[in-house]
Amino acid sequence: MNYLEFEKPLAEIEGKAEELRAMGRSNAEMDVEKEAQALDKKAQALLSDLYKDLTPWRKCQVARHPDRPHCEDYIAALFTEYTPLAGDRNFADDHAVMGGLARLDGQPVMVIGHEKGKDTQSRIERNFGMARPEGYRKAIRLMDLADRFNVPVVTLIDTPGAYPGKGAEERGQSEAIARSTEKCLKIGVPLVSVVIGEGGSGGAVAFATANRVAMLEHSIYSVISPEGCASILWKDAEKMREAAEALRLTAQDLHRLGVIDRIIAEPMGGAQRDGQATIASVGACIGDILRQLSSLSRDEVIADRRKKFLAIGQTGLAA
């Protein structure tokens, strides 16, 4: 278990419980289970207290936790007959973006998502989930394919933002993001997006301009990272806590403003504590939304999406 900075007291308690159990396993005469269970109870109470009312900055830390389930995990657990489709038919295949045809509860879907990687090698290969222009152009190609064959699209968002490198800019990064966002708005099939970790800037919007957008309870969705915002506004990246407060990047704030439609509850302690339960909750949410949208015609799907985005902010302003 990787512990976050604010979880250090919890790490000490759970570490002591594990030490006791290790001692008990090495010496059968020692009865340590009662003491270990007392520590477990104390750890559970502390965990509940820590996650009862997370600040926006702590939610950023949880959203970036390396042990949270990634796109690859969701695809493996939720979708059957997954057939990956690679390349943008123009330049290259971007490994930061996964996508392909699959089935969700027997229904054909096109699933597209950002993949950050889980260790040093895979993170480098996946470019830490930061897509280049070819990643967005691959997504456009897959959405076109889904639209042609009347297959719903599911997108899984987990990116700090689009890759800002020189090569990406030379190949038209902003144009590719704009085209992907435009394609999201134009396709006549239902589009469901779930922010499973970070939803960073236009790199996220290019996949999340959907009929329905859901977020995991401790995920974030923002026009810029707190560190980037702090560097611009205060000329000091250490002001990221204040920036996180100001950005209204939590699922709760965004739901209140009408930017997202659903909040998916996470297990106590975050998705990293029970990945299987989190994945199951996401799958249930996606399935429910797709069933609700299944009766709409192509024109109604497009009109529904347009109406959603024109209404953003009105709920929060009225309240």
Protein backbone atom coordinates (compact mmCIF):
# COMPACT_ATOMS: atom_id res chain seq x y z
CA MET A 1 0.00 0.00 0.00
CA ASN A 2 1.28 3.42 -0.98
CA TYR A 3 0.27 6.02 1.59
CA LEU A 4 -0.35 9.68 0.86
CA GLU A 5 1.18 12.43 2.96
CA PHE A 6 -1.96 13.00 5.05
CA GLU A 7 -2.29 9.23 5.61
CA LYS A 8 1.01 8.88 7.53
CA PRO A 9 -0.67 8.37 10.95
CA LEU A 10 -2.75 5.61 9.36
CA ALA A 11 0.37 4.02 7.88
CA GLU A 12 1.92 3.79 11.36
CA ILE A 13 -1.10 2.05 12.88
CA GLU A 14 -1.58 -0.40 10.01
CA GLY A 15 2.17 -1.04 9.98
CA LYS A 16 2.13 -1.94 13.67
CA ALA A 17 -0.81 -4.32 13.15
CA GLU A 18 1.06 -6.05 10.35
CA GLU A 19 4.22 -6.30 12.47
CA LEU A 20 2.25 -7.97 15.24
CA ARG A 21 0.76 -10.50 12.84
CA ALA A 22 4.19 -11.19 11.36
CA MET A 23 5.50 -11.88 14.87
CA GLY A 24 2.57 -14.21 15.49
CA ARG A 25 3.27 -16.13 12.29
CA SER A 26 6.93 -16.58 13.22
CA ASN A 27 6.17 -17.63 16.81
CA ALA A 28 3.11 -19.84 17.21
CA GLU A 29 3.15 -19.39 21.01
CA MET A 30 2.49 -15.66 20.76
CA ASP A 31 -1.19 -14.67 20.77
CA VAL A 32 -1.21 -11.26 19.08
CA GLU A 33 -4.49 -11.36 17.16
CA LYS A 34 -6.49 -9.53 19.83
CA GLU A 35 -4.02 -6.63 19.88
CA ALA A 36 -3.85 -6.59 16.07
CA GLN A 37 -7.64 -6.43 15.82
CA ALA A 38 -7.69 -3.50 18.25
CA LEU A 39 -5.22 -1.70 15.97
CA ASP A 40 -7.37 -2.58 12.95
CA LYS A 41 -10.37 -0.99 14.65
CA LYS A 42 -8.36 2.11 15.47
CA ALA A 43 -7.08 2.30 11.88
CA GLN A 44 -10.62 2.01 10.48
CA ALA A 45 -11.82 4.84 12.70
CA LEU A 46 -8.89 7.02 11.64
CA LEU A 47 -9.47 6.19 7.97
CA SER A 48 -13.12 7.20 8.29
CA ASP A 49 -12.12 10.45 9.99
CA LEU A 50 -9.48 11.29 7.34
CA TYR A 51 -11.86 10.73 4.42
CA LYS A 52 -14.97 12.18 6.05
CA ASP A 53 -14.41 15.69 4.68
CA LEU A 54 -11.44 15.82 2.30
CA THR A 55 -10.17 19.24 1.22
CA PRO A 56 -9.92 19.87 -2.55
CA TRP A 57 -6.12 19.53 -2.39
CA ARG A 58 -6.36 16.17 -0.62
CA LYS A 59 -8.84 15.04 -3.25
CA CYS A 60 -6.21 15.94 -5.87
CA GLN A 61 -3.74 13.69 -4.07
CA VAL A 62 -6.25 10.83 -3.90
CA ALA A 63 -7.19 11.26 -7.57
CA ARG A 64 -3.49 10.87 -8.48
CA HIS A 65 -2.88 7.88 -6.22
CA PRO A 66 -0.75 5.34 -8.11
CA ASP A 67 -2.80 2.41 -6.80
CA ARG A 68 -6.15 3.61 -8.18
CA PRO A 69 -7.57 1.38 -10.93
CA HIS A 70 -6.51 2.62 -14.36
CA CYS A 71 -8.24 2.46 -17.74
CA GLU A 72 -6.58 -0.86 -18.50
CA ASP A 73 -8.05 -2.34 -15.30
CA TYR A 74 -11.58 -1.15 -16.13
CA ILE A 75 -11.40 -2.54 -19.65
CA ALA A 76 -10.14 -5.91 -18.42
CA ALA A 77 -12.79 -6.21 -15.70
CA LEU A 78 -15.90 -4.68 -17.28
CA PHE A 79 -15.68 -5.36 -20.99
CA THR A 80 -15.66 -8.63 -22.89
CA GLU A 81 -14.43 -9.33 -26.42
CA TYR A 82 -12.28 -6.21 -26.27
CA THR A 83 -10.54 -5.71 -29.62
CA PRO A 84 -7.96 -2.88 -29.47
CA LEU A 85 -7.75 -0.57 -32.47
CA ALA A 86 -4.48 1.28 -32.97
CA GLY A 87 -3.19 4.29 -34.86
CA ASP A 88 -4.60 7.50 -36.27
CA ARG A 89 -4.02 6.47 -39.93
CA ASN A 90 -1.87 9.56 -40.29
CA PHE A 91 1.22 9.57 -38.07
CA ALA A 92 1.47 6.95 -35.32
CA ASP A 93 -0.23 5.07 -32.50
CA ASP A 94 -0.36 6.99 -29.22
CA HIS A 95 -0.02 4.58 -26.29
CA ALA A 96 -1.44 7.16 -23.87
CA VAL A 97 -4.85 6.48 -25.44
CA MET A 98 -6.47 3.04 -25.43
CA GLY A 99 -9.50 2.20 -27.50
CA GLY A 100 -11.39 -0.51 -29.28
CA LEU A 101 -14.62 -2.40 -29.78
CA ALA A 102 -15.97 -4.42 -26.87
CA ARG A 103 -19.13 -5.58 -25.14
CA LEU A 104 -20.54 -4.25 -21.87
CA ASP A 105 -23.09 -6.70 -20.44
CA GLY A 106 -23.43 -8.11 -23.95
CA GLN A 107 -24.02 -4.73 -25.61
CA PRO A 108 -21.50 -3.65 -28.29
CA VAL A 109 -19.69 -0.43 -27.35
CA MET A 110 -16.65 1.54 -28.38
CA VAL A 111 -14.48 2.16 -25.33
CA ILE A 112 -11.78 4.87 -25.34
CA GLY A 113 -9.64 6.03 -22.45
CA HIS A 114 -6.41 7.50 -21.13
CA GLU A 115 -3.89 5.07 -19.64
CA LYS A 116 -1.16 6.39 -17.30
CA GLY A 117 0.75 3.16 -16.69
CA LYS A 118 1.54 1.42 -13.40
CA ASP A 119 5.33 1.28 -13.16
CA THR A 120 8.25 3.27 -14.51
CA GLN A 121 8.47 1.40 -17.80
CA SER A 122 4.75 1.48 -18.57
CA ARG A 123 4.41 5.12 -17.47
CA ILE A 124 7.12 6.14 -19.92
CA GLU A 125 5.50 4.05 -22.66
CA ARG A 126 2.08 5.59 -21.90
CA ASN A 127 3.59 9.09 -21.51
CA PHE A 128 1.94 9.34 -18.08
CA GLY A 129 -1.49 9.49 -19.72
CA MET A 130 -0.70 12.70 -21.62
CA ALA A 131 -1.96 12.24 -25.17
CA ARG A 132 -0.30 13.65 -28.27
CA PRO A 133 -2.24 14.79 -31.38
CA GLU A 134 -2.22 11.25 -32.78
CA GLY A 135 -4.03 10.08 -29.63
CA TYR A 136 -6.89 12.50 -30.19
CA ARG A 137 -6.97 11.69 -33.90
CA LYS A 138 -7.17 8.00 -33.01
CA ALA A 139 -10.13 8.81 -30.75
CA ILE A 140 -11.80 10.72 -33.61
CA ARG A 141 -11.34 7.72 -35.90
CA LEU A 142 -12.86 5.36 -33.32
CA MET A 143 -15.82 7.69 -32.67
CA ASP A 144 -16.42 7.91 -36.42
CA LEU A 145 -16.40 4.12 -36.60
CA ALA A 146 -18.84 3.85 -33.69
CA ASP A 147 -21.14 6.42 -35.28
CA ARG A 148 -21.11 4.58 -38.61
CA PHE A 149 -22.16 1.29 -37.02
CA ASN A 150 -24.50 2.83 -34.42
CA VAL A 151 -22.44 1.69 -31.42
CA PRO A 152 -22.47 3.74 -28.16
CA VAL A 153 -19.19 5.27 -27.01
CA VAL A 154 -17.77 5.00 -23.47
CA THR A 155 -14.79 7.15 -22.50
CA LEU A 156 -12.67 6.79 -19.35
CA ILE A 157 -10.86 10.00 -18.38
CA ASP A 158 -7.59 9.96 -16.46
CA THR A 159 -5.04 12.50 -17.65
CA PRO A 160 -3.16 15.47 -16.20
CA GLY A 161 -3.68 17.11 -19.59
CA ALA A 162 -2.59 16.93 -23.20
CA TYR A 163 1.16 16.57 -23.81
CA PRO A 164 2.70 20.07 -24.24
CA GLY A 165 5.91 18.99 -25.99
CA LYS A 166 7.41 20.64 -29.06
CA GLY A 167 6.64 17.71 -31.37
CA ALA A 168 3.01 17.63 -30.25
CA GLU A 169 2.63 21.35 -30.94
CA GLU A 170 4.25 20.95 -34.36
CA ARG A 171 1.74 18.24 -35.26
CA GLY A 172 -1.26 20.38 -34.29
CA GLN A 173 -2.09 19.55 -30.68
CA SER A 174 -4.72 22.26 -30.19
CA GLU A 175 -6.37 21.48 -33.53
CA ALA A 176 -6.54 17.76 -32.69
CA ILE A 177 -8.14 18.50 -29.30
CA ALA A 178 -10.67 20.85 -30.91
CA ARG A 179 -11.54 18.28 -33.59
CA SER A 180 -12.01 15.56 -30.97
CA THR A 181 -14.30 17.83 -28.93
CA GLU A 182 -16.24 18.66 -32.09
CA LYS A 183 -16.57 14.97 -32.94
CA CYS A 184 -17.97 14.27 -29.46
CA LEU A 185 -20.69 16.86 -30.12
CA LYS A 186 -21.55 15.59 -33.61
CA ILE A 187 -21.84 11.83 -33.30
CA GLY A 188 -25.39 10.48 -33.28
CA VAL A 189 -24.79 7.68 -30.78
CA PRO A 190 -24.90 7.94 -26.98
CA LEU A 191 -21.61 9.05 -25.43
CA VAL A 192 -20.94 8.36 -21.74
CA SER A 193 -17.82 9.63 -19.98
CA VAL A 194 -16.45 8.77 -16.54
CA VAL A 195 -13.62 10.67 -14.85
CA ILE A 196 -11.81 7.88 -13.00
CA GLY A 197 -8.83 9.93 -11.76
CA GLU A 198 -7.66 13.24 -13.13
CA GLY A 199 -9.62 15.18 -15.72
CA GLY A 200 -7.06 17.73 -16.84
CA SER A 201 -7.78 20.63 -19.18
CA GLY A 202 -8.67 20.23 -22.87
CA GLY A 203 -7.03 16.82 -22.83
CA ALA A 204 -10.01 15.62 -20.78
CA VAL A 205 -12.71 17.74 -22.46
CA ALA A 206 -11.76 16.20 -25.83
CA PHE A 207 -13.10 12.86 -24.54
CA ALA A 208 -15.73 14.10 -22.07
CA THR A 209 -18.04 16.27 -24.19
CA ALA A 210 -20.68 13.63 -23.59
CA ASN A 211 -24.40 13.10 -23.11
CA ARG A 212 -23.67 12.16 -19.52
CA VAL A 213 -20.51 12.76 -17.49
CA ALA A 214 -19.91 10.90 -14.23
CA MET A 215 -17.05 11.25 -11.77
CA LEU A 216 -15.71 9.02 -9.08
CA GLU A 217 -16.20 10.60 -5.66
CA HIS A 218 -12.55 11.55 -5.17
CA SER A 219 -11.61 12.33 -8.78
CA ILE A 220 -10.96 15.85 -10.09
CA TYR A 221 -11.87 17.71 -13.28
CA SER A 222 -10.42 21.12 -14.04
CA VAL A 223 -9.23 23.51 -16.73
CA ILE A 224 -5.73 23.48 -15.22
CA SER A 225 -3.83 21.69 -12.45
CA PRO A 226 -3.67 23.41 -9.04
CA GLU A 227 0.11 23.70 -9.41
CA GLY A 228 -0.22 25.32 -12.84
CA CYS A 229 -2.91 27.70 -11.62
CA ALA A 230 -0.80 28.70 -8.60
CA SER A 231 2.23 29.34 -10.82
CA ILE A 232 0.20 31.68 -13.02
CA LEU A 233 -1.84 33.54 -10.39
CA TRP A 234 0.58 33.68 -7.48
CA LYS A 235 3.88 32.96 -9.26
CA ASP A 236 4.31 30.25 -6.64
CA ALA A 237 3.49 26.57 -7.24
CA GLU A 238 3.39 26.05 -3.46
CA LYS A 239 0.06 27.89 -3.41
CA MET A 240 -1.56 24.79 -4.93
CA ARG A 241 -3.84 24.31 -1.91
CA GLU A 242 -5.39 27.75 -2.39
CA ALA A 243 -5.64 27.11 -6.13
CA ALA A 244 -7.41 23.78 -5.59
CA GLU A 245 -10.00 25.57 -3.44
CA ALA A 246 -10.56 28.28 -6.06
CA LEU A 247 -10.79 25.97 -9.08
CA ARG A 248 -13.93 24.12 -7.90
CA LEU A 249 -12.47 20.90 -9.27
CA THR A 250 -14.15 18.34 -7.02
CA ALA A 251 -16.98 16.09 -8.12
CA GLN A 252 -19.26 17.68 -5.53
CA ASP A 253 -18.66 21.24 -6.79
CA LEU A 254 -18.99 20.24 -10.43
CA HIS A 255 -22.23 18.34 -9.82
CA ARG A 256 -23.67 21.39 -8.09
CA LEU A 257 -22.74 23.54 -11.12
CA GLY A 258 -24.21 21.07 -13.59
CA VAL A 259 -20.88 20.27 -15.26
CA ILE A 260 -21.26 16.58 -14.40
CA ASP A 261 -24.36 14.47 -13.99
CA ARG A 262 -23.44 11.77 -11.47
CA ILE A 263 -21.05 11.11 -8.61
CA ILE A 264 -19.98 7.48 -8.18
CA ALA A 265 -19.25 6.58 -4.55
CA GLU A 266 -15.82 5.15 -3.73
CA PRO A 267 -14.97 2.67 -0.97
CA MET A 268 -13.89 4.18 2.32
CA GLY A 269 -10.31 5.32 1.85
CA GLY A 270 -10.63 5.80 -1.90
CA ALA A 271 -10.67 3.59 -4.99
CA GLN A 272 -7.14 2.42 -4.25
CA ARG A 273 -8.40 0.51 -1.19
CA ASP A 274 -10.86 -1.65 -3.13
CA GLY A 275 -10.34 -1.49 -6.87
CA GLN A 276 -12.80 -4.30 -7.67
CA ALA A 277 -15.68 -2.60 -5.85
CA THR A 278 -14.88 0.70 -7.56
CA ILE A 279 -14.78 -0.88 -11.01
CA ALA A 280 -18.10 -2.63 -10.35
CA SER A 281 -19.71 0.69 -9.33
CA VAL A 282 -18.43 2.39 -12.49
CA GLY A 283 -19.72 -0.45 -14.64
CA ALA A 284 -23.16 -0.27 -13.03
CA CYS A 285 -23.30 3.49 -13.60
CA ILE A 286 -22.31 3.23 -17.27
CA GLY A 287 -24.83 0.44 -17.87
CA ASP A 288 -27.63 2.43 -16.23
CA ILE A 289 -26.91 5.55 -18.30
CA LEU A 290 -26.72 3.60 -21.57
CA ARG A 291 -30.11 2.02 -20.82
CA GLN A 292 -31.61 5.48 -20.22
CA LEU A 293 -30.25 6.80 -23.53
CA SER A 294 -31.05 3.73 -25.61
CA SER A 295 -34.53 4.89 -26.59
CA LEU A 296 -33.32 8.19 -28.13
CA SER A 297 -33.05 8.65 -31.88
CA ARG A 298 -29.85 9.97 -33.46
CA ASP A 299 -31.25 13.52 -33.64
CA GLU A 300 -32.46 13.30 -30.03
CA VAL A 301 -29.02 12.10 -28.85
CA ILE A 302 -27.33 15.12 -30.46
CA ALA A 303 -29.99 17.53 -29.15
CA ASP A 304 -29.70 16.03 -25.65
CA ARG A 305 -25.94 16.58 -25.65
CA ARG A 306 -26.28 20.15 -26.90
CA LYS A 307 -28.90 20.94 -24.25
CA LYS A 308 -26.65 19.58 -21.50
CA PHE A 309 -23.73 21.84 -22.37
CA LEU A 310 -25.84 24.96 -22.89
CA ALA A 311 -27.27 24.44 -19.38
CA ILE A 312 -23.91 24.14 -17.59
CA GLY A 313 -23.64 26.54 -14.66
CA GLN A 314 -27.32 27.49 -14.54
CA THR A 315 -28.13 25.13 -11.67
CA GLY A 316 -25.34 26.45 -9.47
CA LEU A 317 -26.12 30.07 -10.30
CA ALA A 318 -29.79 29.65 -9.54
CA ALA A 319 -28.99 28.02 -6.19
